[in-house]
């Protein structure tokens, strides 16, 4: 899927959160909720990564999610990819996004 198409899909899925904005970064996009950075869209194939902490990252690992690696030597272990089944559920995705925003 093309980057802009994927971005538009994710923004539509996050429609329950009315204050989502984005900027270009990492060859993809950074997402903000109420001006708080909480997500990254990047990779090949494209993935959505949410900010995590020690407590919330366990949930992502239970889904076999991987942390964000913008290069072979750089790893951001506090951002994990959001499982597709969560992305497809608008309410669940909003809940996960709110958790990520409040870290």
PDB file of N, CA and C in Angstrom:
ATOM      1  N   UNK A   1       0.848  -1.175   0.000  1.00  0.00           N
ATOM      2  CA  UNK A   1       0.000   0.000   0.000  1.00  0.00           C
ATOM      3  C   UNK A   1       0.894   1.238   0.000  1.00  0.00           C
ATOM      4  N   UNK A   2       0.535   2.224  -0.766  1.00  0.00           N
ATOM      5  CA  UNK A   2       1.261   3.482  -0.851  1.00  0.00           C
ATOM      6  C   UNK A   2       1.223   4.202   0.496  1.00  0.00           C
ATOM      7  N   UNK A   3       2.304   4.931   0.827  1.00  0.00           N
ATOM      8  CA  UNK A   3       2.409   5.593   2.132  1.00  0.00           C
ATOM      9  C   UNK A   3       1.224   6.507   2.437  1.00  0.00           C
ATOM     10  N   UNK A   4       0.850   7.339   1.484  1.00  0.00           N
ATOM     11  CA  UNK A   4      -0.256   8.268   1.733  1.00  0.00           C
ATOM     12  C   UNK A   4      -1.579   7.526   1.905  1.00  0.00           C
ATOM     13  N   UNK A   5      -1.774   6.456   1.152  1.00  0.00           N
ATOM     14  CA  UNK A   5      -2.997   5.659   1.288  1.00  0.00           C
ATOM     15  C   UNK A   5      -3.057   5.013   2.668  1.00  0.00           C
ATOM     16  N   UNK A   6      -1.920   4.480   3.121  1.00  0.00           N
ATOM     17  CA  UNK A   6      -1.881   3.860   4.443  1.00  0.00           C
ATOM     18  C   UNK A   6      -2.112   4.911   5.529  1.00  0.00           C
ATOM     19  N   UNK A   7      -1.483   6.076   5.391  1.00  0.00           N
ATOM     20  CA  UNK A   7      -1.699   7.162   6.341  1.00  0.00           C
ATOM     21  C   UNK A   7      -3.177   7.513   6.416  1.00  0.00           C
ATOM     22  N   UNK A   8      -3.818   7.679   5.274  1.00  0.00           N
ATOM     23  CA  UNK A   8      -5.247   8.030   5.249  1.00  0.00           C
ATOM     24  C   UNK A   8      -6.101   6.935   5.877  1.00  0.00           C
ATOM     25  N   UNK A   9      -5.740   5.676   5.644  1.00  0.00           N
ATOM     26  CA  UNK A   9      -6.456   4.556   6.263  1.00  0.00           C
ATOM     27  C   UNK A   9      -6.332   4.625   7.787  1.00  0.00           C
ATOM     28  N   UNK A  10      -5.108   4.840   8.281  1.00  0.00           N
ATOM     29  CA  UNK A  10      -4.889   4.910   9.731  1.00  0.00           C
ATOM     30  C   UNK A  10      -5.630   6.108  10.324  1.00  0.00           C
ATOM     31  N   UNK A  11      -5.562   7.256   9.664  1.00  0.00           N
ATOM     32  CA  UNK A  11      -6.277   8.431  10.161  1.00  0.00           C
ATOM     33  C   UNK A  11      -7.776   8.169  10.219  1.00  0.00           C
ATOM     34  N   UNK A  12      -8.313   7.459   9.228  1.00  0.00           N
ATOM     35  CA  UNK A  12      -9.734   7.109   9.246  1.00  0.00           C
ATOM     36  C   UNK A  12     -10.038   6.161  10.406  1.00  0.00           C
ATOM     37  N   UNK A  13      -9.175   5.197  10.643  1.00  0.00           N
ATOM     38  CA  UNK A  13      -9.384   4.252  11.743  1.00  0.00           C
ATOM     39  C   UNK A  13      -9.283   4.946  13.105  1.00  0.00           C
ATOM     40  N   UNK A  14      -8.549   6.049  13.161  1.00  0.00           N
ATOM     41  CA  UNK A  14      -8.403   6.812  14.409  1.00  0.00           C
ATOM     42  C   UNK A  14      -9.426   7.939  14.513  1.00  0.00           C
ATOM     43  N   UNK A  15     -10.485   7.860  13.751  1.00  0.00           N
ATOM     44  CA  UNK A  15     -11.472   8.945  13.677  1.00  0.00           C
ATOM     45  C   UNK A  15     -12.167   9.243  15.003  1.00  0.00           C
ATOM     46  N   UNK A  16     -12.138   8.333  15.959  1.00  0.00           N
ATOM     47  CA  UNK A  16     -12.745   8.604  17.271  1.00  0.00           C
ATOM     48  C   UNK A  16     -11.910   9.585  18.092  1.00  0.00           C
ATOM     49  N   UNK A  17     -10.697   9.839  17.631  1.00  0.00           N
ATOM     50  CA  UNK A  17      -9.811  10.800  18.302  1.00  0.00           C
ATOM     51  C   UNK A  17      -9.722  12.032  17.397  1.00  0.00           C
ATOM     52  N   UNK A  18     -10.468  13.077  17.701  1.00  0.00           N
ATOM     53  CA  UNK A  18     -10.620  14.192  16.767  1.00  0.00           C
ATOM     54  C   UNK A  18      -9.408  15.103  16.601  1.00  0.00           C
ATOM     55  N   UNK A  19      -8.408  14.970  17.442  1.00  0.00           N
ATOM     56  CA  UNK A  19      -7.279  15.901  17.396  1.00  0.00           C
ATOM     57  C   UNK A  19      -5.985  15.263  16.894  1.00  0.00           C
ATOM     58  N   UNK A  20      -6.091  14.328  15.952  1.00  0.00           N
ATOM     59  CA  UNK A  20      -4.917  13.669  15.390  1.00  0.00           C
ATOM     60  C   UNK A  20      -4.303  14.555  14.305  1.00  0.00           C
ATOM     61  N   UNK A  21      -2.998  14.768  14.410  1.00  0.00           N
ATOM     62  CA  UNK A  21      -2.235  15.459  13.375  1.00  0.00           C
ATOM     63  C   UNK A  21      -1.013  14.609  13.057  1.00  0.00           C
ATOM     64  N   UNK A  22      -0.282  14.980  11.993  1.00  0.00           N
ATOM     65  CA  UNK A  22       0.892  14.192  11.617  1.00  0.00           C
ATOM     66  C   UNK A  22       1.950  15.081  10.981  1.00  0.00           C
ATOM     67  N   UNK A  23       3.188  14.583  10.993  1.00  0.00           N
ATOM     68  CA  UNK A  23       4.307  15.199  10.291  1.00  0.00           C
ATOM     69  C   UNK A  23       5.084  14.089   9.604  1.00  0.00           C
ATOM     70  N   UNK A  24       5.828  14.440   8.575  1.00  0.00           N
ATOM     71  CA  UNK A  24       6.694  13.466   7.902  1.00  0.00           C
ATOM     72  C   UNK A  24       7.938  13.244   8.745  1.00  0.00           C
ATOM     73  N   UNK A  25       8.334  11.977   8.897  1.00  0.00           N
ATOM     74  CA  UNK A  25       9.567  11.619   9.615  1.00  0.00           C
ATOM     75  C   UNK A  25       9.919  10.161   9.367  1.00  0.00           C
ATOM     76  N   UNK A  26      11.186   9.823   9.521  1.00  0.00           N
ATOM     77  CA  UNK A  26      11.682   8.454   9.348  1.00  0.00           C
ATOM     78  C   UNK A  26      11.258   7.858   7.997  1.00  0.00           C
ATOM     79  N   UNK A  27      11.092   8.683   6.982  1.00  0.00           N
ATOM     80  CA  UNK A  27      10.607   8.181   5.698  1.00  0.00           C
ATOM     81  C   UNK A  27       9.145   7.800   5.762  1.00  0.00           C
ATOM     82  N   UNK A  28       8.482   8.150   6.847  1.00  0.00           N
ATOM     83  CA  UNK A  28       7.065   7.860   7.042  1.00  0.00           C
ATOM     84  C   UNK A  28       6.413   9.052   7.701  1.00  0.00           C
ATOM     85  N   UNK A  29       5.689   8.792   8.791  1.00  0.00           N
ATOM     86  CA  UNK A  29       4.952   9.856   9.469  1.00  0.00           C
ATOM     87  C   UNK A  29       5.009   9.672  10.978  1.00  0.00           C
ATOM     88  N   UNK A  30       4.975  10.794  11.687  1.00  0.00           N
ATOM     89  CA  UNK A  30       4.790  10.797  13.121  1.00  0.00           C
ATOM     90  C   UNK A  30       3.394  11.313  13.408  1.00  0.00           C
ATOM     91  N   UNK A  31       2.683  10.645  14.317  1.00  0.00           N
ATOM     92  CA  UNK A  31       1.315  11.043  14.645  1.00  0.00           C
ATOM     93  C   UNK A  31       1.258  11.654  16.038  1.00  0.00           C
ATOM     94  N   UNK A  32       0.390  12.647  16.162  1.00  0.00           N
ATOM     95  CA  UNK A  32       0.185  13.367  17.416  1.00  0.00           C
ATOM     96  C   UNK A  32      -1.289  13.323  17.779  1.00  0.00           C
ATOM     97  N   UNK A  33      -1.561  13.195  19.059  1.00  0.00           N
ATOM     98  CA  UNK A  33      -2.921  13.274  19.586  1.00  0.00           C
ATOM     99  C   UNK A  33      -2.908  14.395  20.617  1.00  0.00           C
ATOM    100  N   UNK A  34      -3.695  15.438  20.366  1.00  0.00           N
ATOM    101  CA  UNK A  34      -3.667  16.617  21.242  1.00  0.00           C
ATOM    102  C   UNK A  34      -2.241  17.141  21.409  1.00  0.00           C
ATOM    103  N   UNK A  35      -1.489  17.189  20.306  1.00  0.00           N
ATOM    104  CA  UNK A  35      -0.110  17.692  20.257  1.00  0.00           C
ATOM    105  C   UNK A  35       0.897  16.815  21.012  1.00  0.00           C
ATOM    106  N   UNK A  36       0.502  15.608  21.408  1.00  0.00           N
ATOM    107  CA  UNK A  36       1.422  14.671  22.068  1.00  0.00           C
ATOM    108  C   UNK A  36       1.827  13.601  21.060  1.00  0.00           C
ATOM    109  N   UNK A  37       3.136  13.451  20.844  1.00  0.00           N
ATOM    110  CA  UNK A  37       3.656  12.448  19.918  1.00  0.00           C
ATOM    111  C   UNK A  37       3.388  11.063  20.492  1.00  0.00           C
ATOM    112  N   UNK A  38       2.703  10.198  19.715  1.00  0.00           N
ATOM    113  CA  UNK A  38       2.355   8.886  20.246  1.00  0.00           C
ATOM    114  C   UNK A  38       2.530   7.742  19.261  1.00  0.00           C
ATOM    115  N   UNK A  39       2.787   8.037  17.983  1.00  0.00           N
ATOM    116  CA  UNK A  39       2.820   6.953  16.993  1.00  0.00           C
ATOM    117  C   UNK A  39       3.723   7.293  15.827  1.00  0.00           C
ATOM    118  N   UNK A  40       4.175   6.216  15.157  1.00  0.00           N
ATOM    119  CA  UNK A  40       5.011   6.316  13.963  1.00  0.00           C
ATOM    120  C   UNK A  40       4.417   5.395  12.909  1.00  0.00           C
ATOM    121  N   UNK A  41       4.348   5.874  11.681  1.00  0.00           N
ATOM    122  CA  UNK A  41       4.029   5.028  10.525  1.00  0.00           C
ATOM    123  C   UNK A  41       5.300   4.946   9.705  1.00  0.00           C
ATOM    124  N   UNK A  42       5.823   3.739   9.516  1.00  0.00           N
ATOM    125  CA  UNK A  42       7.084   3.581   8.801  1.00  0.00           C
ATOM    126  C   UNK A  42       7.272   2.122   8.419  1.00  0.00           C
ATOM    127  N   UNK A  43       8.283   1.874   7.596  1.00  0.00           N
ATOM    128  CA  UNK A  43       8.702   0.518   7.284  1.00  0.00           C
ATOM    129  C   UNK A  43       8.269   0.037   5.922  1.00  0.00           C
ATOM    130  N   UNK A  44       8.809  -1.120   5.568  1.00  0.00           N
ATOM    131  CA  UNK A  44       8.444  -1.836   4.352  1.00  0.00           C
ATOM    132  C   UNK A  44       8.221  -3.277   4.744  1.00  0.00           C
ATOM    133  N   UNK A  45       7.001  -3.761   4.807  1.00  0.00           N
ATOM    134  CA  UNK A  45       5.766  -3.034   4.529  1.00  0.00           C
ATOM    135  C   UNK A  45       5.490  -2.003   5.624  1.00  0.00           C
ATOM    136  N   UNK A  46       4.587  -1.081   5.334  1.00  0.00           N
ATOM    137  CA  UNK A  46       4.243  -0.037   6.296  1.00  0.00           C
ATOM    138  C   UNK A  46       3.613  -0.631   7.547  1.00  0.00           C
ATOM    139  N   UNK A  47       3.995  -0.070   8.683  1.00  0.00           N
ATOM    140  CA  UNK A  47       3.452  -0.483   9.967  1.00  0.00           C
ATOM    141  C   UNK A  47       3.112   0.749  10.786  1.00  0.00           C
ATOM    142  N   UNK A  48       2.174   0.563  11.701  1.00  0.00           N
ATOM    143  CA  UNK A  48       1.825   1.572  12.684  1.00  0.00           C
ATOM    144  C   UNK A  48       2.446   1.155  14.002  1.00  0.00           C
ATOM    145  N   UNK A  49       3.203   2.053  14.608  1.00  0.00           N
ATOM    146  CA  UNK A  49       3.858   1.799  15.887  1.00  0.00           C
ATOM    147  C   UNK A  49       3.315   2.783  16.919  1.00  0.00           C
ATOM    148  N   UNK A  50       2.950   2.277  18.102  1.00  0.00           N
ATOM    149  CA  UNK A  50       2.500   3.127  19.192  1.00  0.00           C
ATOM    150  C   UNK A  50       3.565   3.178  20.278  1.00  0.00           C
ATOM    151  N   UNK A  51       3.614   4.309  20.965  1.00  0.00           N
ATOM    152  CA  UNK A  51       4.507   4.484  22.097  1.00  0.00           C
ATOM    153  C   UNK A  51       4.077   3.541  23.225  1.00  0.00           C
ATOM    154  N   UNK A  52       5.056   2.952  23.904  1.00  0.00           N
ATOM    155  CA  UNK A  52       4.781   2.032  25.000  1.00  0.00           C
ATOM    156  C   UNK A  52       5.684   2.375  26.194  1.00  0.00           C
ATOM    157  N   UNK A  53       5.435   1.695  27.289  1.00  0.00           N
ATOM    158  CA  UNK A  53       6.332   1.726  28.438  1.00  0.00           C
ATOM    159  C   UNK A  53       6.480   0.275  28.911  1.00  0.00           C
ATOM    160  N   UNK A  54       7.129   0.064  30.047  1.00  0.00           N
ATOM    161  CA  UNK A  54       7.338  -1.314  30.522  1.00  0.00           C
ATOM    162  C   UNK A  54       6.021  -2.063  30.697  1.00  0.00           C
ATOM    163  N   UNK A  55       5.021  -1.376  31.195  1.00  0.00           N
ATOM    164  CA  UNK A  55       3.726  -2.016  31.456  1.00  0.00           C
ATOM    165  C   UNK A  55       2.968  -2.318  30.156  1.00  0.00           C
ATOM    166  N   UNK A  56       2.872  -1.329  29.272  1.00  0.00           N
ATOM    167  CA  UNK A  56       2.064  -1.525  28.055  1.00  0.00           C
ATOM    168  C   UNK A  56       2.785  -2.347  26.988  1.00  0.00           C
ATOM    169  N   UNK A  57       4.109  -2.355  26.972  1.00  0.00           N
ATOM    170  CA  UNK A  57       4.823  -3.131  25.944  1.00  0.00           C
ATOM    171  C   UNK A  57       4.555  -4.629  26.071  1.00  0.00           C
ATOM    172  N   UNK A  58       4.208  -5.077  27.258  1.00  0.00           N
ATOM    173  CA  UNK A  58       3.881  -6.498  27.470  1.00  0.00           C
ATOM    174  C   UNK A  58       2.682  -6.903  26.612  1.00  0.00           C
ATOM    175  N   UNK A  59       1.701  -6.020  26.518  1.00  0.00           N
ATOM    176  CA  UNK A  59       0.508  -6.298  25.706  1.00  0.00           C
ATOM    177  C   UNK A  59       0.907  -6.520  24.251  1.00  0.00           C
ATOM    178  N   UNK A  60       1.788  -5.675  23.743  1.00  0.00           N
ATOM    179  CA  UNK A  60       2.229  -5.783  22.351  1.00  0.00           C
ATOM    180  C   UNK A  60       3.025  -7.068  22.136  1.00  0.00           C
ATOM    181  N   UNK A  61       3.899  -7.386  23.073  1.00  0.00           N
ATOM    182  CA  UNK A  61       4.687  -8.619  22.938  1.00  0.00           C
ATOM    183  C   UNK A  61       3.789  -9.858  22.983  1.00  0.00           C
ATOM    184  N   UNK A  62       2.686  -9.786  23.738  1.00  0.00           N
ATOM    185  CA  UNK A  62       1.727 -10.897  23.754  1.00  0.00           C
ATOM    186  C   UNK A  62       1.147 -11.137  22.363  1.00  0.00           C
ATOM    187  N   UNK A  63       1.056 -10.082  21.555  1.00  0.00           N
ATOM    188  CA  UNK A  63       0.581 -10.182  20.168  1.00  0.00           C
ATOM    189  C   UNK A  63       1.720 -10.473  19.188  1.00  0.00           C
ATOM    190  N   UNK A  64       2.927 -10.709  19.711  1.00  0.00           N
ATOM    191  CA  UNK A  64       4.124 -10.966  18.898  1.00  0.00           C
ATOM    192  C   UNK A  64       4.544  -9.747  18.093  1.00  0.00           C
ATOM    193  N   UNK A  65       4.204  -8.554  18.595  1.00  0.00           N
ATOM    194  CA  UNK A  65       4.597  -7.310  17.937  1.00  0.00           C
ATOM    195  C   UNK A  65       6.099  -7.086  18.086  1.00  0.00           C
ATOM    196  N   UNK A  66       6.664  -6.358  17.145  1.00  0.00           N
ATOM    197  CA  UNK A  66       8.088  -6.028  17.142  1.00  0.00           C
ATOM    198  C   UNK A  66       8.265  -4.543  17.420  1.00  0.00           C
ATOM    199  N   UNK A  67       9.393  -4.197  18.032  1.00  0.00           N
ATOM    200  CA  UNK A  67       9.678  -2.791  18.272  1.00  0.00           C
ATOM    201  C   UNK A  67      10.164  -2.130  16.988  1.00  0.00           C
ATOM    202  N   UNK A  68      10.112  -0.816  16.965  1.00  0.00           N
ATOM    203  CA  UNK A  68      10.455  -0.024  15.796  1.00  0.00           C
ATOM    204  C   UNK A  68      11.965   0.031  15.594  1.00  0.00           C
ATOM    205  N   UNK A  69      12.404  -0.318  14.388  1.00  0.00           N
ATOM    206  CA  UNK A  69      13.819  -0.263  14.012  1.00  0.00           C
ATOM    207  C   UNK A  69      13.945   0.519  12.710  1.00  0.00           C
ATOM    208  N   UNK A  70      14.223   1.831  12.797  1.00  0.00           N
ATOM    209  CA  UNK A  70      14.330   2.617  11.570  1.00  0.00           C
ATOM    210  C   UNK A  70      15.546   2.260  10.724  1.00  0.00           C
ATOM    211  N   UNK A  71      16.525   1.568  11.312  1.00  0.00           N
ATOM    212  CA  UNK A  71      17.690   1.087  10.564  1.00  0.00           C
ATOM    213  C   UNK A  71      18.172  -0.196  11.218  1.00  0.00           C
ATOM    214  N   UNK A  72      19.156  -0.827  10.605  1.00  0.00           N
ATOM    215  CA  UNK A  72      19.674  -2.076  11.165  1.00  0.00           C
ATOM    216  C   UNK A  72      20.384  -1.877  12.497  1.00  0.00           C
ATOM    217  N   UNK A  73      20.834  -0.656  12.762  1.00  0.00           N
ATOM    218  CA  UNK A  73      21.572  -0.399  14.004  1.00  0.00           C
ATOM    219  C   UNK A  73      20.798   0.437  15.018  1.00  0.00           C
ATOM    220  N   UNK A  74      19.655   0.987  14.622  1.00  0.00           N
ATOM    221  CA  UNK A  74      18.874   1.817  15.536  1.00  0.00           C
ATOM    222  C   UNK A  74      17.572   1.115  15.896  1.00  0.00           C
ATOM    223  N   UNK A  75      17.298   1.028  17.183  1.00  0.00           N
ATOM    224  CA  UNK A  75      16.091   0.360  17.662  1.00  0.00           C
ATOM    225  C   UNK A  75      15.422   1.248  18.711  1.00  0.00           C
ATOM    226  N   UNK A  76      14.151   1.548  18.494  1.00  0.00           N
ATOM    227  CA  UNK A  76      13.368   2.318  19.464  1.00  0.00           C
ATOM    228  C   UNK A  76      12.439   1.340  20.173  1.00  0.00           C
ATOM    229  N   UNK A  77      12.909   0.790  21.265  1.00  0.00           N
ATOM    230  CA  UNK A  77      12.193  -0.281  21.947  1.00  0.00           C
ATOM    231  C   UNK A  77      10.991   0.203  22.748  1.00  0.00           C
ATOM    232  N   UNK A  78      10.698   1.495  22.688  1.00  0.00           N
ATOM    233  CA  UNK A  78       9.497   1.989  23.348  1.00  0.00           C
ATOM    234  C   UNK A  78       8.383   2.271  22.333  1.00  0.00           C
ATOM    235  N   UNK A  79       8.577   1.827  21.071  1.00  0.00           N
ATOM    236  CA  UNK A  79       7.527   1.895  20.047  1.00  0.00           C
ATOM    237  C   UNK A  79       7.355   0.497  19.458  1.00  0.00           C
ATOM    238  N   UNK A  80       6.130  -0.022  19.557  1.00  0.00           N
ATOM    239  CA  UNK A  80       5.828  -1.364  19.042  1.00  0.00           C
ATOM    240  C   UNK A  80       4.749  -1.284  17.973  1.00  0.00           C
ATOM    241  N   UNK A  81       4.850  -2.212  16.981  1.00  0.00           N
ATOM    242  CA  UNK A  81       3.830  -2.199  15.930  1.00  0.00           C
ATOM    243  C   UNK A  81       2.487  -2.674  16.476  1.00  0.00           C
ATOM    244  N   UNK A  82       1.453  -1.996  16.006  1.00  0.00           N
ATOM    245  CA  UNK A  82       0.087  -2.286  16.438  1.00  0.00           C
ATOM    246  C   UNK A  82      -0.429  -3.469  15.618  1.00  0.00           C
ATOM    247  N   UNK A  83      -0.936  -4.515  16.267  1.00  0.00           N
ATOM    248  CA  UNK A  83      -1.451  -5.672  15.532  1.00  0.00           C
ATOM    249  C   UNK A  83      -2.599  -5.288  14.580  1.00  0.00           C
ATOM    250  N   UNK A  84      -2.642  -5.951  13.432  1.00  0.00           N
ATOM    251  CA  UNK A  84      -3.681  -5.652  12.433  1.00  0.00           C
ATOM    252  C   UNK A  84      -5.086  -5.793  12.987  1.00  0.00           C
ATOM    253  N   UNK A  85      -5.328  -6.792  13.843  1.00  0.00           N
ATOM    254  CA  UNK A  85      -6.677  -6.973  14.375  1.00  0.00           C
ATOM    255  C   UNK A  85      -7.093  -5.798  15.261  1.00  0.00           C
ATOM    256  N   UNK A  86      -6.123  -5.106  15.857  1.00  0.00           N
ATOM    257  CA  UNK A  86      -6.429  -3.907  16.639  1.00  0.00           C
ATOM    258  C   UNK A  86      -6.687  -2.732  15.693  1.00  0.00           C
ATOM    259  N   UNK A  87      -5.865  -2.593  14.663  1.00  0.00           N
ATOM    260  CA  UNK A  87      -6.050  -1.519  13.686  1.00  0.00           C
ATOM    261  C   UNK A  87      -7.429  -1.609  13.036  1.00  0.00           C
ATOM    262  N   UNK A  88      -7.894  -2.803  12.786  1.00  0.00           N
ATOM    263  CA  UNK A  88      -9.185  -2.989  12.107  1.00  0.00           C
ATOM    264  C   UNK A  88     -10.385  -2.694  12.997  1.00  0.00           C
ATOM    265  N   UNK A  89     -10.179  -2.608  14.307  1.00  0.00           N
ATOM    266  CA  UNK A  89     -11.264  -2.344  15.251  1.00  0.00           C
ATOM    267  C   UNK A  89     -11.149  -0.888  15.735  1.00  0.00           C
ATOM    268  N   UNK A  90     -12.010  -0.019  15.232  1.00  0.00           N
ATOM    269  CA  UNK A  90     -11.923   1.415  15.497  1.00  0.00           C
ATOM    270  C   UNK A  90     -11.925   1.723  16.988  1.00  0.00           C
ATOM    271  N   UNK A  91     -12.809   1.103  17.749  1.00  0.00           N
ATOM    272  CA  UNK A  91     -12.894   1.379  19.181  1.00  0.00           C
ATOM    273  C   UNK A  91     -11.654   0.907  19.921  1.00  0.00           C
ATOM    274  N   UNK A  92     -11.196  -0.282  19.608  1.00  0.00           N
ATOM    275  CA  UNK A  92     -10.004  -0.834  20.266  1.00  0.00           C
ATOM    276  C   UNK A  92      -8.764  -0.006  19.909  1.00  0.00           C
ATOM    277  N   UNK A  93      -8.656   0.382  18.651  1.00  0.00           N
ATOM    278  CA  UNK A  93      -7.523   1.205  18.230  1.00  0.00           C
ATOM    279  C   UNK A  93      -7.517   2.536  18.974  1.00  0.00           C
ATOM    280  N   UNK A  94      -8.672   3.156  19.138  1.00  0.00           N
ATOM    281  CA  UNK A  94      -8.770   4.412  19.882  1.00  0.00           C
ATOM    282  C   UNK A  94      -8.314   4.219  21.329  1.00  0.00           C
ATOM    283  N   UNK A  95      -8.679   3.098  21.922  1.00  0.00           N
ATOM    284  CA  UNK A  95      -8.281   2.805  23.298  1.00  0.00           C
ATOM    285  C   UNK A  95      -6.757   2.668  23.400  1.00  0.00           C
ATOM    286  N   UNK A  96      -6.166   1.916  22.481  1.00  0.00           N
ATOM    287  CA  UNK A  96      -4.713   1.744  22.478  1.00  0.00           C
ATOM    288  C   UNK A  96      -4.014   3.076  22.213  1.00  0.00           C
ATOM    289  N   UNK A  97      -4.561   3.889  21.311  1.00  0.00           N
ATOM    290  CA  UNK A  97      -3.968   5.197  21.000  1.00  0.00           C
ATOM    291  C   UNK A  97      -4.026   6.105  22.222  1.00  0.00           C
ATOM    292  N   UNK A  98      -5.104   6.078  22.948  1.00  0.00           N
ATOM    293  CA  UNK A  98      -5.205   6.885  24.166  1.00  0.00           C
ATOM    294  C   UNK A  98      -4.184   6.460  25.209  1.00  0.00           C
ATOM    295  N   UNK A  99      -3.967   5.158  25.346  1.00  0.00           N
ATOM    296  CA  UNK A  99      -2.933   4.676  26.267  1.00  0.00           C
ATOM    297  C   UNK A  99      -1.564   5.205  25.850  1.00  0.00           C
ATOM    298  N   UNK A 100      -1.271   5.125  24.548  1.00  0.00           N
ATOM    299  CA  UNK A 100       0.020   5.591  24.043  1.00  0.00           C
ATOM    300  C   UNK A 100       0.190   7.088  24.224  1.00  0.00           C
ATOM    301  N   UNK A 101      -0.882   7.828  24.047  1.00  0.00           N
ATOM    302  CA  UNK A 101      -0.827   9.295  24.182  1.00  0.00           C
ATOM    303  C   UNK A 101      -0.538   9.710  25.612  1.00  0.00           C
ATOM    304  N   UNK A 102      -1.012   8.962  26.568  1.00  0.00           N
ATOM    305  CA  UNK A 102      -0.901   9.350  27.972  1.00  0.00           C
ATOM    306  C   UNK A 102       0.357   8.840  28.665  1.00  0.00           C
ATOM    307  N   UNK A 103       1.319   8.347  27.911  1.00  0.00           N
ATOM    308  CA  UNK A 103       2.584   7.879  28.518  1.00  0.00           C
ATOM    309  C   UNK A 103       3.558   9.022  28.657  1.00  0.00           C
TER     310      UNK A 103
END
